[in-house]
C-alpha atoms as a PDB file:
ATOM      1  CA  UNK A   1     -71.487  69.198  38.389  1.00  0.00           C
ATOM      2  CA  UNK A   2     -72.068  65.504  38.921  1.00  0.00           C
ATOM      3  CA  UNK A   3     -69.253  62.999  39.425  1.00  0.00           C
ATOM      4  CA  UNK A   4     -69.921  61.648  35.937  1.00  0.00           C
ATOM      5  CA  UNK A   5     -69.743  65.122  34.383  1.00  0.00           C
ATOM      6  CA  UNK A   6     -66.490  65.791  36.244  1.00  0.00           C
ATOM      7  CA  UNK A   7     -65.033  62.512  34.990  1.00  0.00           C
ATOM      8  CA  UNK A   8     -66.090  63.255  31.399  1.00  0.00           C
ATOM      9  CA  UNK A   9     -64.670  66.778  31.522  1.00  0.00           C
ATOM     10  CA  UNK A  10     -61.329  65.502  32.830  1.00  0.00           C
ATOM     11  CA  UNK A  11     -61.198  62.892  30.067  1.00  0.00           C
ATOM     12  CA  UNK A  12     -61.959  65.615  27.498  1.00  0.00           C
ATOM     13  CA  UNK A  13     -59.021  67.680  28.780  1.00  0.00           C
ATOM     14  CA  UNK A  14     -56.789  64.608  28.699  1.00  0.00           C
ATOM     15  CA  UNK A  15     -57.794  63.850  25.119  1.00  0.00           C
ATOM     16  CA  UNK A  16     -56.956  67.407  24.127  1.00  0.00           C
ATOM     17  CA  UNK A  17     -53.679  67.928  25.991  1.00  0.00           C
ATOM     18  CA  UNK A  18     -52.132  64.681  27.286  1.00  0.00           C
ATOM     19  CA  UNK A  19     -50.970  63.110  24.029  1.00  0.00           C
ATOM     20  CA  UNK A  20     -52.155  59.686  25.132  1.00  0.00           C
ATOM     21  CA  UNK A  21     -51.746  56.638  22.904  1.00  0.00           C
ATOM     22  CA  UNK A  22     -55.429  55.797  23.449  1.00  0.00           C
ATOM     23  CA  UNK A  23     -58.668  57.693  23.983  1.00  0.00           C
ATOM     24  CA  UNK A  24     -58.939  58.752  27.636  1.00  0.00           C
ATOM     25  CA  UNK A  25     -62.557  57.546  27.644  1.00  0.00           C
ATOM     26  CA  UNK A  26     -61.271  53.980  27.280  1.00  0.00           C
ATOM     27  CA  UNK A  27     -58.968  54.147  30.290  1.00  0.00           C
ATOM     28  CA  UNK A  28     -59.831  52.870  33.761  1.00  0.00           C
ATOM     29  CA  UNK A  29     -59.871  55.562  36.421  1.00  0.00           C
ATOM     30  CA  UNK A  30     -56.753  54.112  38.029  1.00  0.00           C
ATOM     31  CA  UNK A  31     -54.814  53.628  34.779  1.00  0.00           C
ATOM     32  CA  UNK A  32     -51.328  55.163  34.854  1.00  0.00           C
ATOM     33  CA  UNK A  33     -51.513  58.112  32.467  1.00  0.00           C
ATOM     34  CA  UNK A  34     -47.729  58.217  32.095  1.00  0.00           C
ATOM     35  CA  UNK A  35     -47.708  54.560  31.038  1.00  0.00           C
ATOM     36  CA  UNK A  36     -50.499  55.458  28.573  1.00  0.00           C
ATOM     37  CA  UNK A  37     -48.200  57.964  26.876  1.00  0.00           C
ATOM     38  CA  UNK A  38     -48.431  61.234  28.786  1.00  0.00           C
ATOM     39  CA  UNK A  39     -45.080  62.976  29.266  1.00  0.00           C
ATOM     40  CA  UNK A  40     -44.100  65.320  32.089  1.00  0.00           C
ATOM     41  CA  UNK A  41     -44.247  68.169  29.570  1.00  0.00           C
ATOM     42  CA  UNK A  42     -47.779  67.162  28.537  1.00  0.00           C
ATOM     43  CA  UNK A  43     -48.836  67.027  32.187  1.00  0.00           C
ATOM     44  CA  UNK A  44     -48.172  70.781  32.388  1.00  0.00           C
ATOM     45  CA  UNK A  45     -50.518  71.310  29.427  1.00  0.00           C
ATOM     46  CA  UNK A  46     -53.085  69.073  31.139  1.00  0.00           C
ATOM     47  CA  UNK A  47     -52.773  71.108  34.333  1.00  0.00           C
ATOM     48  CA  UNK A  48     -53.326  74.372  32.443  1.00  0.00           C
ATOM     49  CA  UNK A  49     -56.277  72.863  30.587  1.00  0.00           C
ATOM     50  CA  UNK A  50     -57.816  71.692  33.850  1.00  0.00           C
ATOM     51  CA  UNK A  51     -57.301  75.091  35.463  1.00  0.00           C
ATOM     52  CA  UNK A  52     -59.102  76.773  32.587  1.00  0.00           C
ATOM     53  CA  UNK A  53     -61.894  74.188  32.377  1.00  0.00           C
ATOM     54  CA  UNK A  54     -62.664  74.186  36.110  1.00  0.00           C
ATOM     55  CA  UNK A  55     -61.653  77.771  36.989  1.00  0.00           C
ATOM     56  CA  UNK A  56     -59.211  76.533  39.612  1.00  0.00           C
ATOM     57  CA  UNK A  57     -55.532  77.008  40.350  1.00  0.00           C
ATOM     58  CA  UNK A  58     -53.322  74.107  41.315  1.00  0.00           C
ATOM     59  CA  UNK A  59     -51.247  75.300  44.272  1.00  0.00           C
ATOM     60  CA  UNK A  60     -47.565  74.465  44.361  1.00  0.00           C
ATOM     61  CA  UNK A  61     -48.241  71.947  47.138  1.00  0.00           C
ATOM     62  CA  UNK A  62     -50.043  69.596  44.703  1.00  0.00           C
ATOM     63  CA  UNK A  63     -47.684  70.019  41.742  1.00  0.00           C
ATOM     64  CA  UNK A  64     -46.232  66.545  41.747  1.00  0.00           C
ATOM     65  CA  UNK A  65     -46.296  63.566  39.432  1.00  0.00           C
ATOM     66  CA  UNK A  66     -48.802  61.655  41.571  1.00  0.00           C
ATOM     67  CA  UNK A  67     -51.413  64.417  41.193  1.00  0.00           C
ATOM     68  CA  UNK A  68     -51.637  63.734  37.445  1.00  0.00           C
ATOM     69  CA  UNK A  69     -50.828  60.021  37.497  1.00  0.00           C
ATOM     70  CA  UNK A  70     -54.395  58.825  36.931  1.00  0.00           C
ATOM     71  CA  UNK A  71     -57.869  60.093  36.245  1.00  0.00           C
ATOM     72  CA  UNK A  72     -58.846  59.178  39.794  1.00  0.00           C
ATOM     73  CA  UNK A  73     -55.907  61.173  41.225  1.00  0.00           C
ATOM     74  CA  UNK A  74     -56.880  64.203  39.135  1.00  0.00           C
ATOM     75  CA  UNK A  75     -60.527  63.846  40.171  1.00  0.00           C
ATOM     76  CA  UNK A  76     -59.607  63.649  43.861  1.00  0.00           C
ATOM     77  CA  UNK A  77     -57.350  66.696  43.609  1.00  0.00           C
ATOM     78  CA  UNK A  78     -59.959  68.786  41.783  1.00  0.00           C
ATOM     79  CA  UNK A  79     -62.643  67.765  44.284  1.00  0.00           C
ATOM     80  CA  UNK A  80     -60.337  68.749  47.149  1.00  0.00           C
ATOM     81  CA  UNK A  81     -59.482  72.119  45.569  1.00  0.00           C
ATOM     82  CA  UNK A  82     -63.134  72.893  44.864  1.00  0.00           C
ATOM     83  CA  UNK A  83     -64.131  71.968  48.433  1.00  0.00           C
ATOM     84  CA  UNK A  84     -61.375  74.165  49.861  1.00  0.00           C
ATOM     85  CA  UNK A  85     -62.438  76.998  47.569  1.00  0.00           C
ATOM     86  CA  UNK A  86     -66.098  76.804  48.616  1.00  0.00           C
ATOM     87  CA  UNK A  87     -65.154  76.567  52.292  1.00  0.00           C
ATOM     88  CA  UNK A  88     -62.862  79.612  52.162  1.00  0.00           C
ATOM     89  CA  UNK A  89     -64.307  82.817  53.579  1.00  0.00           C
ATOM     90  CA  UNK A  90     -65.194  85.439  50.996  1.00  0.00           C
ATOM     91  CA  UNK A  91     -62.690  88.262  50.678  1.00  0.00           C
END
């Protein structure tokens, strides 16, 4: 998945679950999603949508407001989780 595809997929999940006042495709990557209308409750729905979309699990260590504060923060977290997953030895 390219960086652009990742960005688009995240914005799709945000449009579906975040309850933003504007289309996520119109937001800058560093825009504050909470200021754009996402609530803490909606961020849980976003997290679950992202987990399903990317077949990942957000560990407790990243479950904080800053993880879901912006598209860039979400992108960085997903990239980190995917890298850790691919680097982990097979069970």
